[in-house]
């Protein structure tokens, strides 16, 4: 059975994509002030999911190597093509699904170490970090869209009551 946090991640991914529905390449690559452009946000989320689910937790897998240099944490700002970032995002999230489906409360709590990280990590902490990170960049992307004059945008927060309701611990 799918762990409730994985269901929350899937819902969050759905809200991220819903918020970007109808976006064109030119607007996706527009950088306003210090904010990231939307295509960068998409690639950055693909980078994080790849880093966590494929590289750190599945023995070093790197499906889309250019994400590390293009949209990794601390990299210089850039404005990558929208379709390239969506393709990377789809490839990474699809590749992560079997691993995510295998997670249980026990495996989410297991500690592991990662190079350059001074404290032990758990897949559960990483899962929460990814979910919150998606919401951060969803809001940033929606702000960019509003500043670009887009109208009829998705409203917060979608159909969470049916798609990702609260499930009490032990009822997963």
N, C-alpha and C. Protein backbone atom coordinates (compact mmCIF):
# COMPACT_ATOMS: atom_id res chain seq x y z
N UNK A 1 0.84 -1.18 0.00
CA UNK A 1 0.00 0.00 0.00
C UNK A 1 0.88 1.25 0.00
N UNK A 2 0.48 2.24 -0.72
CA UNK A 2 1.23 3.49 -0.83
C UNK A 2 1.25 4.23 0.50
N UNK A 3 2.44 4.63 0.93
CA UNK A 3 2.56 5.37 2.18
C UNK A 3 1.87 6.74 2.04
N UNK A 4 1.21 7.21 3.11
CA UNK A 4 0.51 8.50 3.04
C UNK A 4 1.39 9.68 2.62
N UNK A 5 2.66 9.69 3.02
CA UNK A 5 3.53 10.79 2.60
C UNK A 5 3.82 10.74 1.11
N UNK A 6 3.89 9.55 0.56
CA UNK A 6 4.08 9.42 -0.89
C UNK A 6 2.83 9.93 -1.61
N UNK A 7 1.66 9.64 -1.07
CA UNK A 7 0.43 10.19 -1.64
C UNK A 7 0.45 11.72 -1.60
N UNK A 8 0.98 12.29 -0.52
CA UNK A 8 1.07 13.74 -0.42
C UNK A 8 2.05 14.29 -1.47
N UNK A 9 3.15 13.60 -1.68
CA UNK A 9 4.09 14.03 -2.72
C UNK A 9 3.42 14.00 -4.09
N UNK A 10 2.71 12.95 -4.39
CA UNK A 10 2.04 12.85 -5.69
C UNK A 10 0.99 13.96 -5.86
N UNK A 11 0.26 14.25 -4.81
CA UNK A 11 -0.70 15.35 -4.87
C UNK A 11 0.03 16.67 -5.11
N UNK A 12 1.12 16.88 -4.39
CA UNK A 12 1.90 18.11 -4.51
C UNK A 12 2.46 18.26 -5.93
N UNK A 13 2.97 17.19 -6.49
CA UNK A 13 3.44 17.24 -7.88
C UNK A 13 2.29 17.64 -8.81
N UNK A 14 1.11 17.09 -8.55
CA UNK A 14 -0.05 17.41 -9.37
C UNK A 14 -0.41 18.89 -9.28
N UNK A 15 -0.32 19.45 -8.08
CA UNK A 15 -0.62 20.87 -7.90
C UNK A 15 0.45 21.73 -8.59
N UNK A 16 1.69 21.30 -8.54
CA UNK A 16 2.78 22.00 -9.21
C UNK A 16 2.50 22.06 -10.72
N UNK A 17 2.14 20.93 -11.30
CA UNK A 17 1.87 20.91 -12.74
C UNK A 17 0.59 21.67 -13.07
N UNK A 18 -0.41 21.58 -12.21
CA UNK A 18 -1.66 22.31 -12.43
C UNK A 18 -1.42 23.82 -12.43
N UNK A 19 -0.55 24.27 -11.55
CA UNK A 19 -0.23 25.70 -11.47
C UNK A 19 0.47 26.21 -12.72
N UNK A 20 1.07 25.31 -13.47
CA UNK A 20 1.84 25.72 -14.64
C UNK A 20 1.13 25.40 -15.95
N UNK A 21 -0.10 24.93 -15.86
CA UNK A 21 -0.87 24.58 -17.04
C UNK A 21 -1.02 25.79 -17.96
N UNK A 22 -0.82 25.56 -19.26
CA UNK A 22 -1.01 26.61 -20.25
C UNK A 22 0.17 27.56 -20.40
N UNK A 23 1.25 27.31 -19.71
CA UNK A 23 2.42 28.18 -19.75
C UNK A 23 3.21 27.97 -21.04
N UNK A 24 3.59 29.05 -21.68
CA UNK A 24 4.42 28.98 -22.88
C UNK A 24 5.90 29.14 -22.57
N UNK A 25 6.73 28.78 -23.53
CA UNK A 25 8.18 28.80 -23.34
C UNK A 25 8.70 30.20 -23.03
N UNK A 26 8.25 31.21 -23.76
CA UNK A 26 8.78 32.56 -23.54
C UNK A 26 8.51 33.04 -22.12
N UNK A 27 7.29 32.84 -21.63
CA UNK A 27 6.97 33.27 -20.26
C UNK A 27 7.68 32.39 -19.23
N UNK A 28 7.84 31.11 -19.53
CA UNK A 28 8.52 30.21 -18.60
C UNK A 28 9.98 30.57 -18.42
N UNK A 29 10.56 31.22 -19.41
CA UNK A 29 11.98 31.58 -19.36
C UNK A 29 12.20 33.02 -18.89
N UNK A 30 11.13 33.73 -18.60
CA UNK A 30 11.22 35.13 -18.17
C UNK A 30 11.71 35.19 -16.73
N UNK A 31 12.76 35.97 -16.50
CA UNK A 31 13.28 36.17 -15.16
C UNK A 31 12.92 37.55 -14.68
N UNK A 32 12.23 37.64 -13.55
CA UNK A 32 11.81 38.92 -13.00
C UNK A 32 12.58 39.18 -11.71
N UNK A 33 13.43 40.19 -11.75
CA UNK A 33 14.23 40.51 -10.57
C UNK A 33 15.07 39.34 -10.12
N UNK A 34 15.11 39.12 -8.83
CA UNK A 34 15.94 38.03 -8.32
C UNK A 34 15.25 36.65 -8.36
N UNK A 35 13.97 36.62 -8.80
CA UNK A 35 13.25 35.33 -8.78
C UNK A 35 13.75 34.41 -9.89
N UNK A 36 13.63 33.13 -9.63
CA UNK A 36 13.95 32.14 -10.64
C UNK A 36 12.90 32.19 -11.74
N UNK A 37 13.30 31.82 -12.95
CA UNK A 37 12.29 31.69 -13.99
C UNK A 37 11.57 30.35 -13.76
N UNK A 38 10.40 30.21 -14.33
CA UNK A 38 9.58 29.03 -14.08
C UNK A 38 10.21 27.77 -14.64
N UNK A 39 10.81 27.86 -15.82
CA UNK A 39 11.44 26.64 -16.38
C UNK A 39 12.58 26.17 -15.48
N UNK A 40 13.30 27.11 -14.86
CA UNK A 40 14.34 26.73 -13.91
C UNK A 40 13.72 25.99 -12.73
N UNK A 41 12.59 26.49 -12.21
CA UNK A 41 11.92 25.83 -11.08
C UNK A 41 11.58 24.39 -11.41
N UNK A 42 11.09 24.14 -12.61
CA UNK A 42 10.73 22.78 -13.02
C UNK A 42 11.97 21.90 -13.03
N UNK A 43 13.02 22.38 -13.67
CA UNK A 43 14.27 21.62 -13.71
C UNK A 43 14.88 21.42 -12.34
N UNK A 44 14.77 22.42 -11.50
CA UNK A 44 15.33 22.34 -10.15
C UNK A 44 14.62 21.26 -9.33
N UNK A 45 13.31 21.16 -9.48
CA UNK A 45 12.58 20.11 -8.77
C UNK A 45 12.96 18.73 -9.32
N UNK A 46 13.16 18.63 -10.62
CA UNK A 46 13.65 17.37 -11.20
C UNK A 46 15.02 17.04 -10.63
N UNK A 47 15.87 18.04 -10.51
CA UNK A 47 17.21 17.83 -9.95
C UNK A 47 17.11 17.29 -8.53
N UNK A 48 16.24 17.90 -7.70
CA UNK A 48 16.15 17.45 -6.32
C UNK A 48 15.61 16.03 -6.23
N UNK A 49 14.58 15.72 -6.99
CA UNK A 49 14.04 14.36 -6.94
C UNK A 49 15.08 13.36 -7.43
N UNK A 50 15.80 13.70 -8.48
CA UNK A 50 16.86 12.81 -8.96
C UNK A 50 17.92 12.60 -7.88
N UNK A 51 18.33 13.70 -7.27
CA UNK A 51 19.38 13.65 -6.24
C UNK A 51 18.97 12.75 -5.08
N UNK A 52 17.74 12.89 -4.63
CA UNK A 52 17.30 12.12 -3.48
C UNK A 52 16.93 10.69 -3.84
N UNK A 53 15.96 10.51 -4.73
CA UNK A 53 15.40 9.18 -4.97
C UNK A 53 16.28 8.29 -5.82
N UNK A 54 16.99 8.86 -6.78
CA UNK A 54 17.80 8.04 -7.68
C UNK A 54 19.25 7.97 -7.22
N UNK A 55 19.85 9.12 -6.94
CA UNK A 55 21.29 9.14 -6.64
C UNK A 55 21.57 8.70 -5.20
N UNK A 56 20.98 9.37 -4.23
CA UNK A 56 21.29 9.06 -2.82
C UNK A 56 20.70 7.72 -2.37
N UNK A 57 19.50 7.41 -2.79
CA UNK A 57 18.82 6.23 -2.23
C UNK A 57 18.76 5.03 -3.17
N UNK A 58 19.29 5.18 -4.37
CA UNK A 58 19.32 4.04 -5.28
C UNK A 58 20.70 3.87 -5.91
N UNK A 59 21.71 3.97 -5.08
CA UNK A 59 23.05 3.61 -5.50
C UNK A 59 23.71 4.47 -6.55
N UNK A 60 23.43 5.75 -6.56
CA UNK A 60 24.15 6.65 -7.44
C UNK A 60 23.58 6.84 -8.83
N UNK A 61 22.35 6.44 -9.05
CA UNK A 61 21.73 6.62 -10.38
C UNK A 61 21.63 8.10 -10.73
N UNK A 62 22.02 8.43 -11.95
CA UNK A 62 21.87 9.78 -12.47
C UNK A 62 21.26 9.65 -13.86
N UNK A 63 20.00 9.93 -13.96
CA UNK A 63 19.26 9.76 -15.20
C UNK A 63 19.45 10.94 -16.16
N UNK A 64 19.48 12.16 -15.61
CA UNK A 64 19.62 13.37 -16.42
C UNK A 64 20.79 14.17 -15.86
N UNK A 65 22.02 13.82 -16.27
CA UNK A 65 23.21 14.42 -15.64
C UNK A 65 23.30 15.94 -15.77
N UNK A 66 22.76 16.52 -16.86
CA UNK A 66 22.89 17.96 -17.05
C UNK A 66 22.14 18.78 -16.00
N UNK A 67 21.21 18.15 -15.27
CA UNK A 67 20.49 18.89 -14.22
C UNK A 67 21.44 19.38 -13.14
N UNK A 68 22.47 18.60 -12.81
CA UNK A 68 23.39 19.00 -11.75
C UNK A 68 24.03 20.35 -12.02
N UNK A 69 24.52 20.57 -13.23
CA UNK A 69 25.20 21.82 -13.56
C UNK A 69 24.24 22.93 -13.94
N UNK A 70 23.11 22.57 -14.51
CA UNK A 70 22.18 23.57 -15.03
C UNK A 70 21.28 24.18 -13.95
N UNK A 71 20.69 23.33 -13.09
CA UNK A 71 19.67 23.81 -12.15
C UNK A 71 19.88 23.30 -10.72
N UNK A 72 21.06 22.80 -10.43
CA UNK A 72 21.36 22.33 -9.08
C UNK A 72 21.47 23.49 -8.10
N UNK A 73 21.38 23.17 -6.83
CA UNK A 73 21.47 24.17 -5.77
C UNK A 73 22.79 24.94 -5.91
N UNK A 74 22.70 26.27 -5.85
CA UNK A 74 23.88 27.11 -5.88
C UNK A 74 24.43 27.40 -7.26
N UNK A 75 23.81 26.86 -8.29
CA UNK A 75 24.29 27.11 -9.65
C UNK A 75 23.85 28.51 -10.08
N UNK A 76 24.57 29.09 -11.05
CA UNK A 76 24.17 30.42 -11.53
C UNK A 76 22.78 30.39 -12.17
N UNK A 77 22.11 31.51 -12.11
CA UNK A 77 20.79 31.63 -12.71
C UNK A 77 20.87 31.35 -14.21
N UNK A 78 19.83 30.71 -14.72
CA UNK A 78 19.75 30.44 -16.15
C UNK A 78 18.28 30.37 -16.54
N UNK A 79 18.02 30.34 -17.82
CA UNK A 79 16.66 30.31 -18.33
C UNK A 79 16.52 29.17 -19.34
N UNK A 80 16.48 27.93 -18.88
CA UNK A 80 16.45 26.78 -19.78
C UNK A 80 15.12 26.65 -20.52
N UNK A 81 15.14 25.96 -21.66
CA UNK A 81 13.90 25.75 -22.42
C UNK A 81 12.86 24.97 -21.61
N UNK A 82 11.62 25.41 -21.70
CA UNK A 82 10.53 24.80 -20.94
C UNK A 82 10.39 23.31 -21.24
N UNK A 83 10.32 22.95 -22.50
CA UNK A 83 10.08 21.53 -22.83
C UNK A 83 11.23 20.64 -22.37
N UNK A 84 12.45 21.15 -22.41
CA UNK A 84 13.61 20.39 -21.92
C UNK A 84 13.46 20.11 -20.43
N UNK A 85 13.01 21.10 -19.67
CA UNK A 85 12.86 20.91 -18.23
C UNK A 85 11.68 20.00 -17.92
N UNK A 86 10.57 20.13 -18.66
CA UNK A 86 9.45 19.21 -18.44
C UNK A 86 9.85 17.78 -18.78
N UNK A 87 10.61 17.60 -19.85
CA UNK A 87 11.05 16.25 -20.23
C UNK A 87 11.93 15.65 -19.13
N UNK A 88 12.83 16.45 -18.59
CA UNK A 88 13.69 15.96 -17.49
C UNK A 88 12.84 15.64 -16.27
N UNK A 89 11.91 16.52 -15.94
CA UNK A 89 11.06 16.31 -14.78
C UNK A 89 10.25 15.03 -14.93
N UNK A 90 9.64 14.83 -16.09
CA UNK A 90 8.85 13.61 -16.32
C UNK A 90 9.72 12.36 -16.23
N UNK A 91 10.90 12.40 -16.83
CA UNK A 91 11.80 11.24 -16.80
C UNK A 91 12.19 10.88 -15.36
N UNK A 92 12.56 11.88 -14.58
CA UNK A 92 13.00 11.64 -13.20
C UNK A 92 11.85 11.18 -12.33
N UNK A 93 10.71 11.86 -12.40
CA UNK A 93 9.61 11.47 -11.52
C UNK A 93 9.08 10.08 -11.87
N UNK A 94 9.04 9.74 -13.14
CA UNK A 94 8.61 8.38 -13.53
C UNK A 94 9.62 7.34 -13.05
N UNK A 95 10.89 7.64 -13.15
CA UNK A 95 11.92 6.69 -12.69
C UNK A 95 11.89 6.51 -11.18
N UNK A 96 11.47 7.54 -10.45
CA UNK A 96 11.43 7.48 -8.99
C UNK A 96 10.24 6.69 -8.46
N UNK A 97 9.20 6.54 -9.26
CA UNK A 97 7.95 5.94 -8.77
C UNK A 97 8.11 4.55 -8.16
N UNK A 98 8.80 3.60 -8.77
CA UNK A 98 8.92 2.28 -8.13
C UNK A 98 9.57 2.36 -6.75
N UNK A 99 10.60 3.21 -6.62
CA UNK A 99 11.24 3.37 -5.32
C UNK A 99 10.27 3.97 -4.31
N UNK A 100 9.58 5.04 -4.70
CA UNK A 100 8.64 5.68 -3.79
C UNK A 100 7.53 4.72 -3.37
N UNK A 101 7.07 3.91 -4.30
CA UNK A 101 6.01 2.96 -3.98
C UNK A 101 6.48 1.91 -2.98
N UNK A 102 7.78 1.67 -2.92
CA UNK A 102 8.32 0.65 -2.01
C UNK A 102 8.48 1.15 -0.58
N UNK A 103 8.34 2.45 -0.36
CA UNK A 103 8.60 3.00 0.97
C UNK A 103 7.52 2.63 1.98
N UNK A 104 7.96 2.37 3.19
CA UNK A 104 7.07 2.07 4.31
C UNK A 104 7.46 2.98 5.47
N UNK A 105 6.68 2.97 6.52
CA UNK A 105 7.04 3.77 7.69
C UNK A 105 8.41 3.37 8.21
N UNK A 106 8.71 2.09 8.18
CA UNK A 106 10.01 1.62 8.66
C UNK A 106 11.15 2.12 7.77
N UNK A 107 10.99 2.00 6.45
CA UNK A 107 12.08 2.44 5.57
C UNK A 107 12.22 3.96 5.56
N UNK A 108 11.13 4.67 5.78
CA UNK A 108 11.21 6.13 5.83
C UNK A 108 12.00 6.60 7.06
N UNK A 109 12.03 5.79 8.10
CA UNK A 109 12.71 6.16 9.34
C UNK A 109 14.16 5.70 9.42
N UNK A 110 14.60 4.87 8.49
CA UNK A 110 15.98 4.35 8.52
C UNK A 110 16.97 5.47 8.22
N UNK A 111 17.99 5.58 9.06
CA UNK A 111 19.01 6.60 8.86
C UNK A 111 20.06 6.12 7.87
N UNK A 112 20.59 7.07 7.10
CA UNK A 112 21.70 6.80 6.19
C UNK A 112 22.56 8.05 6.15
N UNK A 113 23.78 7.91 5.66
CA UNK A 113 24.65 9.08 5.54
C UNK A 113 24.87 9.38 4.07
N UNK A 114 25.17 10.63 3.81
CA UNK A 114 25.44 11.09 2.44
C UNK A 114 26.72 11.91 2.46
N UNK A 115 27.52 11.80 1.41
CA UNK A 115 28.75 12.58 1.35
C UNK A 115 28.48 14.07 1.50
N UNK A 116 29.25 14.72 2.37
CA UNK A 116 29.12 16.16 2.57
C UNK A 116 27.98 16.59 3.47
N UNK A 117 27.22 15.63 3.98
CA UNK A 117 26.10 15.96 4.87
C UNK A 117 26.51 15.54 6.29
N UNK A 118 26.60 16.50 7.23
CA UNK A 118 27.15 16.19 8.55
C UNK A 118 26.23 15.40 9.49
N UNK A 119 24.95 15.28 9.16
CA UNK A 119 24.02 14.57 10.04
C UNK A 119 23.40 13.40 9.29
N UNK A 120 22.95 12.39 10.02
CA UNK A 120 22.25 11.29 9.34
C UNK A 120 20.95 11.78 8.72
N UNK A 121 20.59 11.19 7.61
CA UNK A 121 19.36 11.53 6.91
C UNK A 121 18.40 10.36 6.98
N UNK A 122 17.13 10.63 6.72
CA UNK A 122 16.15 9.56 6.53
C UNK A 122 15.38 9.87 5.26
N UNK A 123 14.86 8.85 4.63
CA UNK A 123 14.04 9.06 3.44
C UNK A 123 12.79 9.87 3.81
N UNK A 124 12.30 9.70 5.03
CA UNK A 124 11.15 10.48 5.49
C UNK A 124 11.43 11.96 5.53
N UNK A 125 12.61 12.34 6.06
CA UNK A 125 12.98 13.76 6.06
C UNK A 125 13.11 14.29 4.64
N UNK A 126 13.73 13.49 3.77
CA UNK A 126 13.89 13.92 2.39
C UNK A 126 12.53 14.07 1.70
N UNK A 127 11.63 13.17 1.99
CA UNK A 127 10.29 13.23 1.39
C UNK A 127 9.57 14.51 1.82
N UNK A 128 9.64 14.83 3.10
CA UNK A 128 9.03 16.08 3.56
C UNK A 128 9.71 17.29 2.93
N UNK A 129 11.02 17.26 2.82
CA UNK A 129 11.76 18.37 2.23
C UNK A 129 11.32 18.60 0.78
N UNK A 130 11.16 17.52 0.02
CA UNK A 130 10.73 17.65 -1.39
C UNK A 130 9.33 18.23 -1.46
N UNK A 131 8.42 17.74 -0.63
CA UNK A 131 7.05 18.25 -0.64
C UNK A 131 7.04 19.75 -0.35
N UNK A 132 7.72 20.19 0.68
CA UNK A 132 7.74 21.61 1.05
C UNK A 132 8.44 22.44 -0.03
N UNK A 133 9.47 21.87 -0.63
CA UNK A 133 10.21 22.56 -1.69
C UNK A 133 9.30 22.79 -2.91
N UNK A 134 8.49 21.79 -3.24
CA UNK A 134 7.53 21.97 -4.33
C UNK A 134 6.59 23.12 -4.04
N UNK A 135 6.07 23.21 -2.82
CA UNK A 135 5.13 24.29 -2.50
C UNK A 135 5.81 25.64 -2.60
N UNK A 136 7.06 25.72 -2.18
CA UNK A 136 7.82 26.97 -2.28
C UNK A 136 7.89 27.42 -3.75
N UNK A 137 8.30 26.53 -4.63
CA UNK A 137 8.47 26.89 -6.04
C UNK A 137 7.13 27.01 -6.77
N UNK A 138 6.10 26.34 -6.27
CA UNK A 138 4.77 26.56 -6.85
C UNK A 138 4.33 28.00 -6.58
N UNK A 139 4.51 28.45 -5.36
CA UNK A 139 4.16 29.84 -5.03
C UNK A 139 5.00 30.84 -5.81
N UNK A 140 6.28 30.58 -5.90
CA UNK A 140 7.16 31.47 -6.66
C UNK A 140 6.72 31.54 -8.13
N UNK A 141 6.41 30.39 -8.70
CA UNK A 141 5.99 30.34 -10.10
C UNK A 141 4.66 31.06 -10.30
N UNK A 142 3.74 30.90 -9.36
CA UNK A 142 2.47 31.59 -9.46
C UNK A 142 2.66 33.10 -9.35
N UNK A 143 3.58 33.54 -8.52
CA UNK A 143 3.87 34.97 -8.41
C UNK A 143 4.42 35.50 -9.73
N UNK A 144 5.31 34.76 -10.36
CA UNK A 144 5.84 35.17 -11.66
C UNK A 144 4.71 35.26 -12.68
N UNK A 145 3.84 34.25 -12.70
CA UNK A 145 2.73 34.27 -13.65
C UNK A 145 1.83 35.48 -13.42
N UNK A 146 1.55 35.80 -12.17
CA UNK A 146 0.72 36.97 -11.88
C UNK A 146 1.41 38.25 -12.34
N UNK A 147 2.72 38.35 -12.11
CA UNK A 147 3.47 39.53 -12.54
C UNK A 147 3.51 39.65 -14.06
N UNK A 148 3.43 38.53 -14.75
CA UNK A 148 3.40 38.54 -16.22
C UNK A 148 2.00 38.84 -16.76
N UNK A 149 1.03 38.97 -15.85
CA UNK A 149 -0.32 39.31 -16.26
C UNK A 149 -1.20 38.13 -16.61
N UNK A 150 -0.77 36.92 -16.27
CA UNK A 150 -1.60 35.75 -16.54
C UNK A 150 -2.86 35.80 -15.68
N UNK A 151 -3.96 35.37 -16.23
CA UNK A 151 -5.23 35.36 -15.51
C UNK A 151 -5.80 33.95 -15.52
N UNK A 152 -6.87 33.75 -14.79
CA UNK A 152 -7.53 32.45 -14.70
C UNK A 152 -6.56 31.35 -14.27
N UNK A 153 -5.73 31.66 -13.29
CA UNK A 153 -4.75 30.71 -12.79
C UNK A 153 -5.39 29.74 -11.80
N UNK A 154 -4.73 28.62 -11.59
CA UNK A 154 -5.20 27.62 -10.63
C UNK A 154 -5.32 28.26 -9.25
N UNK A 155 -6.31 27.83 -8.50
CA UNK A 155 -6.49 28.32 -7.14
C UNK A 155 -5.98 27.29 -6.16
N UNK A 156 -5.56 27.76 -5.01
CA UNK A 156 -5.05 26.91 -3.94
C UNK A 156 -6.22 26.17 -3.32
N UNK A 157 -6.16 24.95 -3.01
CA UNK A 157 -5.10 23.99 -3.14
C UNK A 157 -5.62 22.74 -3.87
N UNK A 158 -6.54 22.86 -4.70
CA UNK A 158 -7.02 21.70 -5.44
C UNK A 158 -7.88 20.77 -4.60
N UNK A 159 -8.05 19.56 -5.10
CA UNK A 159 -8.97 18.59 -4.50
C UNK A 159 -8.25 17.68 -3.49
N UNK A 160 -7.65 18.27 -2.50
CA UNK A 160 -6.87 17.50 -1.52
C UNK A 160 -7.76 16.55 -0.72
N UNK A 161 -9.00 16.92 -0.47
CA UNK A 161 -9.87 16.08 0.35
C UNK A 161 -10.11 14.70 -0.27
N UNK A 162 -10.13 14.64 -1.58
CA UNK A 162 -10.33 13.35 -2.25
C UNK A 162 -9.03 12.74 -2.76
N UNK A 163 -8.10 13.57 -3.20
CA UNK A 163 -6.87 13.05 -3.81
C UNK A 163 -5.78 12.72 -2.80
N UNK A 164 -5.73 13.43 -1.68
CA UNK A 164 -4.68 13.19 -0.69
C UNK A 164 -5.19 13.55 0.70
N UNK A 165 -6.24 12.90 1.16
CA UNK A 165 -6.78 13.23 2.49
C UNK A 165 -5.82 12.80 3.59
N UNK A 166 -6.04 13.36 4.75
CA UNK A 166 -5.27 12.94 5.92
C UNK A 166 -5.58 11.47 6.20
N UNK A 167 -4.51 10.71 6.43
CA UNK A 167 -4.66 9.30 6.81
C UNK A 167 -3.93 9.13 8.14
N UNK A 168 -4.63 8.74 9.21
CA UNK A 168 -3.97 8.58 10.51
C UNK A 168 -2.84 7.55 10.45
N UNK A 169 -1.82 7.79 11.25
CA UNK A 169 -0.69 6.84 11.33
C UNK A 169 -1.21 5.45 11.61
N UNK A 170 -0.67 4.49 10.90
CA UNK A 170 -1.06 3.10 11.09
C UNK A 170 -2.24 2.68 10.25
N UNK A 171 -2.83 3.60 9.50
CA UNK A 171 -3.96 3.26 8.64
C UNK A 171 -3.61 3.26 7.16
N UNK A 172 -2.32 3.33 6.88
CA UNK A 172 -1.88 3.39 5.47
C UNK A 172 -2.07 2.08 4.77
